[in-house]
Amino acid sequence: MQTNPLQTMSPTGAQSSGASNQNAILGKDDFLKILVGEMTNMDPMSSDSKDPTQSVAQMAQFSIVEQLTNLKQTSEKSTAMAMLGKTVTYKNADGTKVDGVVQSVDTSGGDPTLTVDGKPGVALASVAGVR
């Protein structure tokens, strides 16, 4: 069977087509999908297994990625909370810089957002400075 060079295999074995992006970065979710796919197709009790510790190592990698993600989220929430009452400079959606006092922090979503001088939804990543 001849394969299309633009087709890739998903962790479940299904083919998906799409243009290859040479500058793409493998994110946490992509890594976890690949790892879960490998673990799903693995038989640690098989005599064909070249290295019986491979499944344990992959489970450890899965755990490490998850813990690093949790650490990142905790760090972002702590950073946002530390900005309460401080004056920040952030970039608006149009790219202009705005100064204002952080009045509250919302951590209910995936990434914490700030309310600055009455404007809710200011992304932590858009903050350029704190005074």
C-alpha atoms as a PDB file:
ATOM      1  CA  MET A   1       0.000   0.000   0.000  1.00  0.00           C
ATOM      2  CA  GLN A   2       1.393   3.362  -1.000  1.00  0.00           C
ATOM      3  CA  THR A   3       0.907   6.128   1.559  1.00  0.00           C
ATOM      4  CA  ASN A   4       0.514   9.808   1.053  1.00  0.00           C
ATOM      5  CA  PRO A   5       3.468  11.673   2.636  1.00  0.00           C
ATOM      6  CA  LEU A   6       1.005  14.199   4.068  1.00  0.00           C
ATOM      7  CA  GLN A   7      -0.922  11.524   5.955  1.00  0.00           C
ATOM      8  CA  THR A   8      -0.049  10.707   9.523  1.00  0.00           C
ATOM      9  CA  MET A   9      -1.128   8.003  11.901  1.00  0.00           C
ATOM     10  CA  SER A  10      -3.087   8.954  14.990  1.00  0.00           C
ATOM     11  CA  PRO A  11      -2.524   7.113  18.291  1.00  0.00           C
ATOM     12  CA  THR A  12      -5.558   4.961  17.516  1.00  0.00           C
ATOM     13  CA  GLY A  13      -4.076   3.885  14.184  1.00  0.00           C
ATOM     14  CA  ALA A  14      -6.442   5.954  12.033  1.00  0.00           C
ATOM     15  CA  GLN A  15      -4.926   8.023   9.292  1.00  0.00           C
ATOM     16  CA  SER A  16      -5.450  11.751   9.174  1.00  0.00           C
ATOM     17  CA  SER A  17      -4.445  13.970   6.333  1.00  0.00           C
ATOM     18  CA  GLY A  18      -3.127  17.475   6.524  1.00  0.00           C
ATOM     19  CA  ALA A  19      -0.176  19.587   5.580  1.00  0.00           C
ATOM     20  CA  SER A  20       2.940  19.072   7.631  1.00  0.00           C
ATOM     21  CA  ASN A  21       4.105  22.063   9.633  1.00  0.00           C
ATOM     22  CA  GLN A  22       7.877  21.988  10.040  1.00  0.00           C
ATOM     23  CA  ASN A  23       7.748  24.688  12.750  1.00  0.00           C
ATOM     24  CA  ALA A  24       5.078  22.961  14.846  1.00  0.00           C
ATOM     25  CA  ILE A  25       5.782  22.480  18.524  1.00  0.00           C
ATOM     26  CA  LEU A  26       4.646  19.309  20.240  1.00  0.00           C
ATOM     27  CA  GLY A  27       2.443  20.433  23.096  1.00  0.00           C
ATOM     28  CA  LYS A  28       1.472  18.676  26.297  1.00  0.00           C
ATOM     29  CA  ASP A  29      -1.805  17.386  24.863  1.00  0.00           C
ATOM     30  CA  ASP A  30      -0.058  16.062  21.738  1.00  0.00           C
ATOM     31  CA  PHE A  31       2.556  14.308  23.851  1.00  0.00           C
ATOM     32  CA  LEU A  32      -0.101  12.751  26.071  1.00  0.00           C
ATOM     33  CA  LYS A  33      -2.102  11.526  23.048  1.00  0.00           C
ATOM     34  CA  ILE A  34       0.989   9.818  21.638  1.00  0.00           C
ATOM     35  CA  LEU A  35       1.893   8.332  25.007  1.00  0.00           C
ATOM     36  CA  VAL A  36      -1.646   7.022  25.587  1.00  0.00           C
ATOM     37  CA  GLY A  37      -1.634   5.528  22.080  1.00  0.00           C
ATOM     38  CA  GLU A  38       1.623   3.730  22.784  1.00  0.00           C
ATOM     39  CA  MET A  39       0.402   2.470  26.142  1.00  0.00           C
ATOM     40  CA  THR A  40      -2.875   1.269  24.629  1.00  0.00           C
ATOM     41  CA  ASN A  41      -1.034  -0.860  22.071  1.00  0.00           C
ATOM     42  CA  MET A  42       1.522  -2.194  24.549  1.00  0.00           C
ATOM     43  CA  ASP A  43       1.453  -5.627  26.176  1.00  0.00           C
ATOM     44  CA  PRO A  44       3.937  -5.599  29.072  1.00  0.00           C
ATOM     45  CA  MET A  45       3.467  -9.344  29.621  1.00  0.00           C
ATOM     46  CA  SER A  46       4.229 -10.264  26.012  1.00  0.00           C
ATOM     47  CA  SER A  47       7.321 -12.347  25.329  1.00  0.00           C
ATOM     48  CA  ASP A  48       7.910 -10.136  22.286  1.00  0.00           C
ATOM     49  CA  SER A  49       8.508  -7.146  24.535  1.00  0.00           C
ATOM     50  CA  LYS A  50      12.156  -6.147  24.196  1.00  0.00           C
ATOM     51  CA  ASP A  51      12.221  -4.210  27.442  1.00  0.00           C
ATOM     52  CA  PRO A  52       9.684  -5.004  30.189  1.00  0.00           C
ATOM     53  CA  THR A  53      10.500  -1.746  31.976  1.00  0.00           C
ATOM     54  CA  GLN A  54       9.354   0.303  28.970  1.00  0.00           C
ATOM     55  CA  SER A  55       5.725   0.434  30.141  1.00  0.00           C
ATOM     56  CA  VAL A  56       6.773   1.584  33.617  1.00  0.00           C
ATOM     57  CA  ALA A  57       9.013   4.270  32.112  1.00  0.00           C
ATOM     58  CA  GLN A  58       6.185   5.543  29.914  1.00  0.00           C
ATOM     59  CA  MET A  59       3.776   5.683  32.852  1.00  0.00           C
ATOM     60  CA  ALA A  60       6.400   7.677  34.761  1.00  0.00           C
ATOM     61  CA  GLN A  61       6.724  10.097  31.810  1.00  0.00           C
ATOM     62  CA  PHE A  62       2.951  10.525  31.778  1.00  0.00           C
ATOM     63  CA  SER A  63       2.990  11.325  35.485  1.00  0.00           C
ATOM     64  CA  ILE A  64       5.866  13.805  35.113  1.00  0.00           C
ATOM     65  CA  VAL A  65       4.119  15.710  32.307  1.00  0.00           C
ATOM     66  CA  GLU A  66       0.926  15.917  34.360  1.00  0.00           C
ATOM     67  CA  GLN A  67       2.762  17.149  37.464  1.00  0.00           C
ATOM     68  CA  LEU A  68       4.659  19.781  35.454  1.00  0.00           C
ATOM     69  CA  THR A  69       1.356  21.011  34.051  1.00  0.00           C
ATOM     70  CA  ASN A  70      -0.100  21.242  37.567  1.00  0.00           C
ATOM     71  CA  LEU A  71       2.995  23.112  38.775  1.00  0.00           C
ATOM     72  CA  LYS A  72       2.712  25.608  35.897  1.00  0.00           C
ATOM     73  CA  GLN A  73      -0.956  26.279  36.680  1.00  0.00           C
ATOM     74  CA  THR A  74      -0.244  26.762  40.386  1.00  0.00           C
ATOM     75  CA  SER A  75       2.623  29.124  39.589  1.00  0.00           C
ATOM     76  CA  GLU A  76       0.453  31.209  37.243  1.00  0.00           C
ATOM     77  CA  LYS A  77      -2.294  31.487  39.868  1.00  0.00           C
ATOM     78  CA  SER A  78       0.229  32.567  42.512  1.00  0.00           C
ATOM     79  CA  THR A  79       1.732  35.136  40.159  1.00  0.00           C
ATOM     80  CA  ALA A  80      -1.719  36.547  39.353  1.00  0.00           C
ATOM     81  CA  MET A  81      -2.681  36.727  43.031  1.00  0.00           C
ATOM     82  CA  ALA A  82       0.555  38.571  43.831  1.00  0.00           C
ATOM     83  CA  MET A  83      -0.510  41.311  41.385  1.00  0.00           C
ATOM     84  CA  LEU A  84      -3.621  42.241  43.389  1.00  0.00           C
ATOM     85  CA  GLY A  85      -3.523  45.952  44.245  1.00  0.00           C
ATOM     86  CA  LYS A  86      -0.456  46.576  42.073  1.00  0.00           C
ATOM     87  CA  THR A  87      -0.239  48.774  39.003  1.00  0.00           C
ATOM     88  CA  VAL A  88       0.392  46.759  35.851  1.00  0.00           C
ATOM     89  CA  THR A  89       1.156  47.624  32.257  1.00  0.00           C
ATOM     90  CA  TYR A  90      -0.516  45.331  29.736  1.00  0.00           C
ATOM     91  CA  LYS A  91      -1.163  45.228  26.008  1.00  0.00           C
ATOM     92  CA  ASN A  92      -4.715  45.716  24.790  1.00  0.00           C
ATOM     93  CA  ALA A  93      -6.115  43.608  21.954  1.00  0.00           C
ATOM     94  CA  ASP A  94      -5.144  46.438  19.552  1.00  0.00           C
ATOM     95  CA  GLY A  95      -1.532  46.358  20.829  1.00  0.00           C
ATOM     96  CA  THR A  96      -1.603  49.604  22.814  1.00  0.00           C
ATOM     97  CA  LYS A  97      -0.098  49.646  26.284  1.00  0.00           C
ATOM     98  CA  VAL A  98      -2.436  50.384  29.181  1.00  0.00           C
ATOM     99  CA  ASP A  99      -1.641  51.019  32.854  1.00  0.00           C
ATOM    100  CA  GLY A 100      -4.042  50.162  35.631  1.00  0.00           C
ATOM    101  CA  VAL A 101      -4.505  48.700  39.098  1.00  0.00           C
ATOM    102  CA  VAL A 102      -5.357  45.003  39.423  1.00  0.00           C
ATOM    103  CA  GLN A 103      -8.665  44.837  41.272  1.00  0.00           C
ATOM    104  CA  SER A 104      -9.379  41.109  41.142  1.00  0.00           C
ATOM    105  CA  VAL A 105      -8.146  37.791  39.792  1.00  0.00           C
ATOM    106  CA  ASP A 106     -10.324  35.094  38.211  1.00  0.00           C
ATOM    107  CA  THR A 107      -8.854  31.592  38.459  1.00  0.00           C
ATOM    108  CA  SER A 108     -12.024  29.687  37.535  1.00  0.00           C
ATOM    109  CA  GLY A 109     -10.949  29.109  33.926  1.00  0.00           C
ATOM    110  CA  GLY A 110      -7.872  27.373  32.599  1.00  0.00           C
ATOM    111  CA  ASP A 111      -5.610  30.413  32.757  1.00  0.00           C
ATOM    112  CA  PRO A 112      -6.002  33.147  35.380  1.00  0.00           C
ATOM    113  CA  THR A 113      -7.311  36.503  34.177  1.00  0.00           C
ATOM    114  CA  LEU A 114      -7.151  39.919  35.818  1.00  0.00           C
ATOM    115  CA  THR A 115      -9.643  42.734  36.242  1.00  0.00           C
ATOM    116  CA  VAL A 116      -7.665  45.946  35.738  1.00  0.00           C
ATOM    117  CA  ASP A 117      -9.410  49.273  36.440  1.00  0.00           C
ATOM    118  CA  GLY A 118     -12.804  47.657  35.857  1.00  0.00           C
ATOM    119  CA  LYS A 119     -11.812  45.801  32.674  1.00  0.00           C
ATOM    120  CA  PRO A 120     -12.220  42.043  33.234  1.00  0.00           C
ATOM    121  CA  GLY A 121     -10.506  39.308  31.220  1.00  0.00           C
ATOM    122  CA  VAL A 122      -6.983  40.733  30.995  1.00  0.00           C
ATOM    123  CA  ALA A 123      -4.753  37.741  30.248  1.00  0.00           C
ATOM    124  CA  LEU A 124      -1.756  37.214  32.502  1.00  0.00           C
ATOM    125  CA  ALA A 125       0.385  36.732  29.379  1.00  0.00           C
ATOM    126  CA  SER A 126      -0.475  40.251  28.186  1.00  0.00           C
ATOM    127  CA  VAL A 127       1.066  41.867  31.309  1.00  0.00           C
ATOM    128  CA  ALA A 128       4.348  43.553  30.401  1.00  0.00           C
ATOM    129  CA  GLY A 129       5.230  45.043  33.782  1.00  0.00           C
ATOM    130  CA  VAL A 130       4.247  45.364  37.430  1.00  0.00           C
ATOM    131  CA  ARG A 131       4.885  48.310  39.793  1.00  0.00           C
END
